[in-house]
C-alpha atoms as a PDB file:
ATOM      1  CA  MET A   1       0.000   0.000   0.000  1.00  0.00           C
ATOM      2  CA  LYS A   2       1.100   3.554  -0.791  1.00  0.00           C
ATOM      3  CA  LYS A   3       2.790   5.409   2.056  1.00  0.00           C
ATOM      4  CA  TYR A   4       0.118   7.491   3.740  1.00  0.00           C
ATOM      5  CA  LYS A   5       1.034  10.055   6.367  1.00  0.00           C
ATOM      6  CA  LEU A   6      -2.202  10.969   8.132  1.00  0.00           C
ATOM      7  CA  ILE A   7      -5.171   8.900   9.274  1.00  0.00           C
ATOM      8  CA  VAL A   8      -8.441  10.629  10.106  1.00  0.00           C
ATOM      9  CA  PHE A   9     -11.385   9.103  11.929  1.00  0.00           C
ATOM     10  CA  ASP A  10     -14.984  10.095  12.410  1.00  0.00           C
ATOM     11  CA  ILE A  11     -16.054   9.272  15.962  1.00  0.00           C
ATOM     12  CA  ASP A  12     -19.738   8.346  16.395  1.00  0.00           C
ATOM     13  CA  GLY A  13     -20.651   5.223  14.450  1.00  0.00           C
ATOM     14  CA  THR A  14     -17.030   4.795  13.358  1.00  0.00           C
ATOM     15  CA  LEU A  15     -14.875   4.528  16.478  1.00  0.00           C
ATOM     16  CA  LEU A  16     -17.663   4.795  19.040  1.00  0.00           C
ATOM     17  CA  PRO A  17     -20.926   2.809  18.938  1.00  0.00           C
ATOM     18  CA  PHE A  18     -24.018   4.959  19.366  1.00  0.00           C
ATOM     19  CA  GLY A  19     -25.001   5.104  23.019  1.00  0.00           C
ATOM     20  CA  VAL A  20     -21.492   4.289  24.251  1.00  0.00           C
ATOM     21  CA  GLU A  21     -19.559   6.982  26.126  1.00  0.00           C
ATOM     22  CA  SER A  22     -15.939   5.791  25.967  1.00  0.00           C
ATOM     23  CA  LEU A  23     -13.584   4.406  23.340  1.00  0.00           C
ATOM     24  CA  SER A  24     -12.740   0.711  23.430  1.00  0.00           C
ATOM     25  CA  ALA A  25      -9.385  -0.618  24.601  1.00  0.00           C
ATOM     26  CA  LYS A  26      -8.579  -1.681  21.022  1.00  0.00           C
ATOM     27  CA  THR A  27      -9.296   1.816  19.699  1.00  0.00           C
ATOM     28  CA  LYS A  28      -7.016   3.408  22.285  1.00  0.00           C
ATOM     29  CA  LYS A  29      -4.321   0.846  21.516  1.00  0.00           C
ATOM     30  CA  MET A  30      -4.749   1.598  17.812  1.00  0.00           C
ATOM     31  CA  VAL A  31      -4.133   5.335  18.272  1.00  0.00           C
ATOM     32  CA  HIS A  32      -1.001   4.694  20.326  1.00  0.00           C
ATOM     33  CA  GLU A  33       0.339   2.258  17.725  1.00  0.00           C
ATOM     34  CA  LEU A  34      -0.311   4.691  14.869  1.00  0.00           C
ATOM     35  CA  LYS A  35       1.633   7.403  16.669  1.00  0.00           C
ATOM     36  CA  GLU A  36       4.499   4.985  17.343  1.00  0.00           C
ATOM     37  CA  LYS A  37       4.615   4.300  13.599  1.00  0.00           C
ATOM     38  CA  GLY A  38       4.825   8.027  12.824  1.00  0.00           C
ATOM     39  CA  TYR A  39       1.324   8.761  11.556  1.00  0.00           C
ATOM     40  CA  VAL A  40      -0.481  12.029  12.202  1.00  0.00           C
ATOM     41  CA  VAL A  41      -3.795  11.099  13.872  1.00  0.00           C
ATOM     42  CA  VAL A  42      -6.889  13.261  13.439  1.00  0.00           C
ATOM     43  CA  PHE A  43     -10.431  12.975  14.791  1.00  0.00           C
ATOM     44  CA  ALA A  44     -12.971  14.719  12.517  1.00  0.00           C
ATOM     45  CA  THR A  45     -16.457  14.821  13.962  1.00  0.00           C
ATOM     46  CA  GLY A  46     -19.728  16.660  14.338  1.00  0.00           C
ATOM     47  CA  ARG A  47     -18.909  16.927  18.029  1.00  0.00           C
ATOM     48  CA  GLU A  48     -17.538  20.220  19.308  1.00  0.00           C
ATOM     49  CA  PHE A  49     -15.852  21.391  22.515  1.00  0.00           C
ATOM     50  CA  VAL A  50     -18.930  20.743  24.664  1.00  0.00           C
ATOM     51  CA  THR A  51     -19.843  17.237  23.517  1.00  0.00           C
ATOM     52  CA  ILE A  52     -16.325  15.903  22.912  1.00  0.00           C
ATOM     53  CA  GLY A  53     -16.187  15.381  26.681  1.00  0.00           C
ATOM     54  CA  THR A  54     -13.234  13.213  27.720  1.00  0.00           C
ATOM     55  CA  LEU A  55     -12.917  11.267  24.457  1.00  0.00           C
ATOM     56  CA  LEU A  56      -9.574  12.888  23.638  1.00  0.00           C
ATOM     57  CA  ASP A  57      -8.091  12.281  27.078  1.00  0.00           C
ATOM     58  CA  ASP A  58      -5.198   9.841  27.416  1.00  0.00           C
ATOM     59  CA  ILE A  59      -4.770   9.165  23.685  1.00  0.00           C
ATOM     60  CA  PRO A  60      -2.181  10.903  21.479  1.00  0.00           C
ATOM     61  CA  VAL A  61      -4.488  12.474  18.879  1.00  0.00           C
ATOM     62  CA  ASP A  62      -2.779  15.348  17.047  1.00  0.00           C
ATOM     63  CA  TYR A  63      -5.744  17.360  15.766  1.00  0.00           C
ATOM     64  CA  PHE A  64      -9.452  17.595  16.580  1.00  0.00           C
ATOM     65  CA  ILE A  65     -11.525  18.846  13.626  1.00  0.00           C
ATOM     66  CA  GLY A  66     -14.844  19.678  15.252  1.00  0.00           C
ATOM     67  CA  ALA A  67     -18.378  20.787  14.381  1.00  0.00           C
ATOM     68  CA  ASN A  68     -18.126  19.176  10.933  1.00  0.00           C
ATOM     69  CA  GLY A  69     -15.062  21.202   9.959  1.00  0.00           C
ATOM     70  CA  ALA A  70     -15.837  24.524  11.654  1.00  0.00           C
ATOM     71  CA  PHE A  71     -12.622  24.508  13.702  1.00  0.00           C
ATOM     72  CA  ILE A  72      -9.293  22.744  14.130  1.00  0.00           C
ATOM     73  CA  TYR A  73      -7.841  22.263  17.592  1.00  0.00           C
ATOM     74  CA  ASP A  74      -4.153  21.366  17.913  1.00  0.00           C
ATOM     75  CA  LEU A  75      -3.959  19.008  20.892  1.00  0.00           C
ATOM     76  CA  ASN A  76      -0.193  19.337  21.189  1.00  0.00           C
ATOM     77  CA  LYS A  77      -0.253  23.144  21.303  1.00  0.00           C
ATOM     78  CA  LYS A  78      -3.642  23.127  23.064  1.00  0.00           C
ATOM     79  CA  GLU A  79      -5.010  25.907  20.894  1.00  0.00           C
ATOM     80  CA  VAL A  80      -7.488  26.522  18.087  1.00  0.00           C
ATOM     81  CA  VAL A  81      -5.456  26.969  14.900  1.00  0.00           C
ATOM     82  CA  PHE A  82      -8.386  27.464  12.505  1.00  0.00           C
ATOM     83  CA  GLU A  83     -11.965  28.589  12.982  1.00  0.00           C
ATOM     84  CA  ASN A  84     -14.958  29.381  10.785  1.00  0.00           C
ATOM     85  CA  LYS A  85     -17.789  30.914  12.779  1.00  0.00           C
ATOM     86  CA  ILE A  86     -21.515  31.451  12.443  1.00  0.00           C
ATOM     87  CA  ILE A  87     -22.194  35.166  12.888  1.00  0.00           C
ATOM     88  CA  LEU A  88     -24.291  35.834  15.998  1.00  0.00           C
ATOM     89  CA  SER A  89     -26.659  38.274  14.259  1.00  0.00           C
ATOM     90  CA  GLU A  90     -27.301  35.713  11.512  1.00  0.00           C
ATOM     91  CA  PHE A  91     -27.957  32.990  14.074  1.00  0.00           C
ATOM     92  CA  GLN A  92     -30.466  35.300  15.772  1.00  0.00           C
ATOM     93  CA  THR A  93     -32.215  35.767  12.425  1.00  0.00           C
ATOM     94  CA  LEU A  94     -32.416  31.998  12.045  1.00  0.00           C
ATOM     95  CA  SER A  95     -33.495  31.571  15.672  1.00  0.00           C
ATOM     96  CA  ASN A  96     -36.374  34.033  15.252  1.00  0.00           C
ATOM     97  CA  PHE A  97     -37.536  32.003  12.256  1.00  0.00           C
ATOM     98  CA  LEU A  98     -37.266  28.672  14.088  1.00  0.00           C
ATOM     99  CA  GLU A  99     -39.319  29.995  17.004  1.00  0.00           C
ATOM    100  CA  LYS A 100     -42.332  30.007  14.659  1.00  0.00           C
ATOM    101  CA  PHE A 101     -42.173  26.228  14.492  1.00  0.00           C
ATOM    102  CA  ASN A 102     -42.526  23.507  17.079  1.00  0.00           C
ATOM    103  CA  CYS A 103     -38.951  22.244  16.911  1.00  0.00           C
ATOM    104  CA  GLU A 104     -36.058  21.820  19.307  1.00  0.00           C
ATOM    105  CA  TYR A 105     -32.723  23.354  18.395  1.00  0.00           C
ATOM    106  CA  SER A 106     -29.402  24.265  19.947  1.00  0.00           C
ATOM    107  CA  VAL A 107     -26.239  26.171  19.099  1.00  0.00           C
ATOM    108  CA  MET A 108     -22.746  25.352  20.321  1.00  0.00           C
ATOM    109  CA  THR A 109     -19.950  27.721  21.291  1.00  0.00           C
ATOM    110  CA  ASP A 110     -16.463  26.828  22.485  1.00  0.00           C
ATOM    111  CA  LYS A 111     -17.668  26.755  26.108  1.00  0.00           C
ATOM    112  CA  TRP A 112     -21.418  26.198  26.202  1.00  0.00           C
ATOM    113  CA  GLY A 113     -24.351  24.683  24.399  1.00  0.00           C
ATOM    114  CA  TYR A 114     -27.507  26.825  24.263  1.00  0.00           C
ATOM    115  CA  PHE A 115     -30.883  25.128  23.839  1.00  0.00           C
ATOM    116  CA  SER A 116     -34.366  26.282  22.897  1.00  0.00           C
ATOM    117  CA  ASP A 117     -37.307  26.033  25.286  1.00  0.00           C
ATOM    118  CA  GLY A 118     -38.503  22.453  25.631  1.00  0.00           C
ATOM    119  CA  HIS A 119     -35.296  20.910  24.316  1.00  0.00           C
ATOM    120  CA  ASP A 120     -34.784  17.366  25.607  1.00  0.00           C
ATOM    121  CA  LEU A 121     -31.323  17.023  27.152  1.00  0.00           C
ATOM    122  CA  ASP A 122     -32.004  13.535  28.520  1.00  0.00           C
ATOM    123  CA  THR A 123     -30.572  11.689  25.530  1.00  0.00           C
ATOM    124  CA  TRP A 124     -27.561   9.357  25.419  1.00  0.00           C
ATOM    125  CA  PHE A 125     -25.629  12.005  23.485  1.00  0.00           C
ATOM    126  CA  LEU A 126     -26.445  15.115  25.534  1.00  0.00           C
ATOM    127  CA  SER A 127     -27.093  13.868  29.073  1.00  0.00           C
ATOM    128  CA  PRO A 128     -23.380  13.412  29.953  1.00  0.00           C
ATOM    129  CA  HIS A 129     -22.877  17.114  29.163  1.00  0.00           C
ATOM    130  CA  LYS A 130     -26.027  18.641  30.696  1.00  0.00           C
ATOM    131  CA  GLU A 131     -24.009  20.842  33.047  1.00  0.00           C
ATOM    132  CA  ASN A 132     -22.529  22.581  29.993  1.00  0.00           C
ATOM    133  CA  PHE A 133     -25.876  23.678  28.557  1.00  0.00           C
ATOM    134  CA  LYS A 134     -27.821  26.895  29.111  1.00  0.00           C
ATOM    135  CA  ASN A 135     -31.100  28.283  27.835  1.00  0.00           C
ATOM    136  CA  LEU A 136     -30.869  30.332  24.645  1.00  0.00           C
ATOM    137  CA  CYS A 137     -32.057  33.417  26.500  1.00  0.00           C
ATOM    138  CA  GLU A 138     -28.617  33.493  28.163  1.00  0.00           C
ATOM    139  CA  LEU A 139     -26.720  33.721  24.869  1.00  0.00           C
ATOM    140  CA  THR A 140     -25.030  37.128  24.569  1.00  0.00           C
ATOM    141  CA  CYS A 141     -22.696  38.811  22.105  1.00  0.00           C
ATOM    142  CA  ASP A 142     -19.797  37.778  24.345  1.00  0.00           C
ATOM    143  CA  GLU A 143     -20.409  34.096  23.656  1.00  0.00           C
ATOM    144  CA  GLU A 144     -18.958  33.894  20.174  1.00  0.00           C
ATOM    145  CA  PRO A 145     -17.734  31.860  18.368  1.00  0.00           C
ATOM    146  CA  LEU A 146     -20.804  29.910  17.301  1.00  0.00           C
ATOM    147  CA  HIS A 147     -19.832  26.675  15.592  1.00  0.00           C
ATOM    148  CA  LEU A 148     -22.841  24.456  14.983  1.00  0.00           C
ATOM    149  CA  VAL A 149     -26.639  24.562  15.043  1.00  0.00           C
ATOM    150  CA  THR A 150     -28.490  21.290  15.612  1.00  0.00           C
ATOM    151  CA  ILE A 151     -32.188  21.057  14.766  1.00  0.00           C
ATOM    152  CA  ARG A 152     -34.407  18.161  15.817  1.00  0.00           C
ATOM    153  CA  ALA A 153     -37.213  17.605  13.319  1.00  0.00           C
ATOM    154  CA  ASN A 154     -39.252  14.509  12.529  1.00  0.00           C
ATOM    155  CA  ASP A 155     -40.705  16.139   9.408  1.00  0.00           C
ATOM    156  CA  LYS A 156     -38.076  15.514   6.727  1.00  0.00           C
ATOM    157  CA  SER A 157     -39.432  18.356   4.559  1.00  0.00           C
ATOM    158  CA  PHE A 158     -38.628  20.890   7.295  1.00  0.00           C
ATOM    159  CA  LYS A 159     -34.988  20.720   6.233  1.00  0.00           C
ATOM    160  CA  ASN A 160     -35.946  22.211   2.863  1.00  0.00           C
ATOM    161  CA  THR A 161     -38.006  24.925   4.562  1.00  0.00           C
ATOM    162  CA  VAL A 162     -35.027  25.969   6.677  1.00  0.00           C
ATOM    163  CA  GLN A 163     -32.564  25.917   3.769  1.00  0.00           C
ATOM    164  CA  GLU A 164     -34.945  28.051   1.688  1.00  0.00           C
ATOM    165  CA  PHE A 165     -35.090  30.597   4.519  1.00  0.00           C
ATOM    166  CA  ILE A 166     -31.288  30.630   4.786  1.00  0.00           C
ATOM    167  CA  ASP A 167     -30.944  31.177   1.024  1.00  0.00           C
ATOM    168  CA  LYS A 168     -33.663  33.826   0.848  1.00  0.00           C
ATOM    169  CA  ASN A 169     -32.004  35.834   3.631  1.00  0.00           C
ATOM    170  CA  ASN A 170     -28.495  35.291   2.247  1.00  0.00           C
ATOM    171  CA  LEU A 171     -27.222  33.897   5.548  1.00  0.00           C
ATOM    172  CA  ASN A 172     -23.631  32.656   5.531  1.00  0.00           C
ATOM    173  CA  MET A 173     -24.600  29.175   6.688  1.00  0.00           C
ATOM    174  CA  GLU A 174     -25.977  25.953   5.254  1.00  0.00           C
ATOM    175  CA  ILE A 175     -27.303  22.546   6.208  1.00  0.00           C
ATOM    176  CA  ASN A 176     -24.206  20.378   6.073  1.00  0.00           C
ATOM    177  CA  ALA A 177     -25.377  17.011   7.397  1.00  0.00           C
ATOM    178  CA  GLN A 178     -28.426  15.020   8.470  1.00  0.00           C
ATOM    179  CA  TRP A 179     -29.036  12.541  11.251  1.00  0.00           C
ATOM    180  CA  SER A 180     -31.917  10.236  12.081  1.00  0.00           C
ATOM    181  CA  LYS A 181     -33.822  12.879  14.052  1.00  0.00           C
ATOM    182  CA  GLY A 182     -32.828  16.127  12.379  1.00  0.00           C
ATOM    183  CA  PHE A 183     -29.997  18.030  10.760  1.00  0.00           C
ATOM    184  CA  PHE A 184     -26.969  20.243  11.354  1.00  0.00           C
ATOM    185  CA  ILE A 185     -26.252  23.797  10.180  1.00  0.00           C
ATOM    186  CA  GLY A 186     -22.733  25.176   9.941  1.00  0.00           C
ATOM    187  CA  PRO A 187     -20.885  28.018   8.212  1.00  0.00           C
ATOM    188  CA  LYS A 188     -21.260  27.918   4.426  1.00  0.00           C
ATOM    189  CA  ASN A 189     -18.809  25.739   2.487  1.00  0.00           C
ATOM    190  CA  THR A 190     -17.631  24.027   5.657  1.00  0.00           C
ATOM    191  CA  ASN A 191     -17.268  20.282   6.079  1.00  0.00           C
ATOM    192  CA  LYS A 192     -14.704  17.734   7.214  1.00  0.00           C
ATOM    193  CA  ALA A 193     -12.896  17.818   3.860  1.00  0.00           C
ATOM    194  CA  THR A 194     -12.469  21.601   3.965  1.00  0.00           C
ATOM    195  CA  GLY A 195     -11.107  21.186   7.488  1.00  0.00           C
ATOM    196  CA  LEU A 196      -8.564  18.649   6.246  1.00  0.00           C
ATOM    197  CA  LYS A 197      -7.516  21.052   3.485  1.00  0.00           C
ATOM    198  CA  LYS A 198      -6.941  23.773   6.083  1.00  0.00           C
ATOM    199  CA  LEU A 199      -4.814  21.287   8.015  1.00  0.00           C
ATOM    200  CA  TYR A 200      -2.247  21.352   5.192  1.00  0.00           C
ATOM    201  CA  LYS A 201      -0.988  24.694   6.526  1.00  0.00           C
ATOM    202  CA  PHE A 202       0.152  22.952   9.710  1.00  0.00           C
ATOM    203  CA  THR A 203       1.120  19.467   8.489  1.00  0.00           C
ATOM    204  CA  LYS A 204       2.093  19.933   4.813  1.00  0.00           C
ATOM    205  CA  ILE A 205       0.137  16.741   4.181  1.00  0.00           C
ATOM    206  CA  THR A 206      -2.183  16.708   1.151  1.00  0.00           C
ATOM    207  CA  LEU A 207      -5.548  14.948   0.980  1.00  0.00           C
ATOM    208  CA  ASP A 208      -4.159  12.222  -1.280  1.00  0.00           C
ATOM    209  CA  GLU A 209      -1.721  11.325   1.514  1.00  0.00           C
ATOM    210  CA  MET A 210      -4.578  10.680   3.954  1.00  0.00           C
ATOM    211  CA  ILE A 211      -6.705   7.688   4.910  1.00  0.00           C
ATOM    212  CA  ALA A 212     -10.200   8.434   6.259  1.00  0.00           C
ATOM    213  CA  PHE A 213     -12.805   6.319   8.054  1.00  0.00           C
ATOM    214  CA  GLY A 214     -16.477   7.300   8.348  1.00  0.00           C
ATOM    215  CA  ASP A 215     -20.030   6.009   8.538  1.00  0.00           C
ATOM    216  CA  SER A 216     -22.544   8.787   7.865  1.00  0.00           C
ATOM    217  CA  SER A 217     -23.701  11.751   5.762  1.00  0.00           C
ATOM    218  CA  ASN A 218     -21.248  14.206   7.325  1.00  0.00           C
ATOM    219  CA  ASP A 219     -18.397  12.007   6.061  1.00  0.00           C
ATOM    220  CA  VAL A 220     -19.294  12.190   2.348  1.00  0.00           C
ATOM    221  CA  GLU A 221     -16.915  14.982   1.323  1.00  0.00           C
ATOM    222  CA  MET A 222     -14.089  13.615   3.443  1.00  0.00           C
ATOM    223  CA  LEU A 223     -14.339  10.094   2.032  1.00  0.00           C
ATOM    224  CA  SER A 224     -14.736  11.455  -1.494  1.00  0.00           C
ATOM    225  CA  GLU A 225     -11.558  13.535  -1.414  1.00  0.00           C
ATOM    226  CA  VAL A 226      -8.888  11.682   0.580  1.00  0.00           C
ATOM    227  CA  GLY A 227      -6.403   9.268  -0.955  1.00  0.00           C
ATOM    228  CA  TYR A 228      -7.894   6.137   0.617  1.00  0.00           C
ATOM    229  CA  SER A 229     -11.384   6.043   2.111  1.00  0.00           C
ATOM    230  CA  VAL A 230     -13.049   3.374   4.226  1.00  0.00           C
ATOM    231  CA  ALA A 231     -16.737   3.179   5.133  1.00  0.00           C
ATOM    232  CA  LEU A 232     -17.959   1.226   8.141  1.00  0.00           C
ATOM    233  CA  ALA A 233     -19.877  -2.008   7.786  1.00  0.00           C
ATOM    234  CA  GLY A 234     -23.296  -1.222   9.204  1.00  0.00           C
ATOM    235  CA  GLY A 235     -22.972   2.451   8.269  1.00  0.00           C
ATOM    236  CA  TRP A 236     -24.926   4.516   5.734  1.00  0.00           C
ATOM    237  CA  SER A 237     -25.304   2.462   2.549  1.00  0.00           C
ATOM    238  CA  TYR A 238     -24.609   5.380   0.173  1.00  0.00           C
ATOM    239  CA  LEU A 239     -21.252   6.036   1.807  1.00  0.00           C
ATOM    240  CA  LYS A 240     -20.160   2.514   0.900  1.00  0.00           C
ATOM    241  CA  THR A 241     -20.697   3.314  -2.783  1.00  0.00           C
ATOM    242  CA  ILE A 242     -18.244   6.224  -2.750  1.00  0.00           C
ATOM    243  CA  ALA A 243     -15.609   4.757  -0.417  1.00  0.00           C
ATOM    244  CA  LYS A 244     -12.680   2.787  -1.801  1.00  0.00           C
ATOM    245  CA  ASP A 245     -13.052   0.142   0.903  1.00  0.00           C
ATOM    246  CA  VAL A 246     -15.476  -1.105   3.564  1.00  0.00           C
ATOM    247  CA  THR A 247     -14.642  -2.669   6.919  1.00  0.00           C
ATOM    248  CA  THR A 248     -15.560  -6.302   7.387  1.00  0.00           C
ATOM    249  CA  LYS A 249     -16.545  -5.697  11.010  1.00  0.00           C
ATOM    250  CA  THR A 250     -18.919  -3.136  12.531  1.00  0.00           C
ATOM    251  CA  VAL A 251     -18.101  -0.342  14.957  1.00  0.00           C
ATOM    252  CA  GLU A 252     -19.222  -2.588  17.825  1.00  0.00           C
ATOM    253  CA  GLU A 253     -16.630  -5.122  16.654  1.00  0.00           C
ATOM    254  CA  ASP A 254     -13.781  -2.567  16.385  1.00  0.00           C
ATOM    255  CA  GLY A 255     -14.056  -2.589  12.604  1.00  0.00           C
ATOM    256  CA  VAL A 256     -11.554   0.250  12.120  1.00  0.00           C
ATOM    257  CA  TYR A 257      -8.866  -1.503  14.157  1.00  0.00           C
ATOM    258  CA  TYR A 258      -9.209  -4.716  12.177  1.00  0.00           C
ATOM    259  CA  LYS A 259      -9.245  -2.910   8.821  1.00  0.00           C
ATOM    260  CA  LEU A 260      -5.954  -1.189   9.677  1.00  0.00           C
ATOM    261  CA  LYS A 261      -4.543  -4.600  10.606  1.00  0.00           C
ATOM    262  CA  GLU A 262      -5.781  -5.996   7.302  1.00  0.00           C
ATOM    263  CA  LEU A 263      -4.146  -3.129   5.381  1.00  0.00           C
ATOM    264  CA  GLY A 264      -0.841  -3.778   7.120  1.00  0.00           C
ATOM    265  CA  ILE A 265      -0.799  -0.388   8.817  1.00  0.00           C
ATOM    266  CA  LEU A 266      -0.921  -1.881  12.316  1.00  0.00           C
END
């Protein structure tokens, strides 16, 4: 196999089974082994500073690309080295529009998550971080940067309604991924692949020198543009059609670890 220099992983559904709060022993071992072999290790995820929790503790990850590409955090320097923000005034315009509908939504900053009235925080994903959430009425101009808006909506057509509003009002944001119960909004032209391109400034590693693993709609651009892409068995079926490879085991079975073994990287 060609000599790749950087390996990037989505987290939820790729390294971490849904509903599970900590990485497996094999995944942690994998990261340590990759670093020992000289690879740059990157986690690229829809999670941001609030919901990443302790997942990056005790493993030698080099960069955290969060909020679907909205920022890059250098874990060695312990600083944000790139950031693309949602403008507060534009979020407020969107928020005023969303208040007309019966939907739950939240926006994430680098310190807090802010939720709309009636938002359910008792989910497997949010409940471990409840102490880091506030009501939207507490969001002030001092709380920038805004990285990611999450909207819960059972009506699939509501996504089109929101995107039409964004376009009509020329807001510098867009829907950049879906999930089973809603969708995400981030800064325009921002995704995991654009984050990896920005990473070149710090690593001098091009996309064709990268291997990427993912499982869902927010991994499409990343898996389309890197040198070698791997979709997870059990993941979104469309992603498997654009990836160069698919794991033989699921996330619950440490599929990424075994694929890297199969490729001779571990």
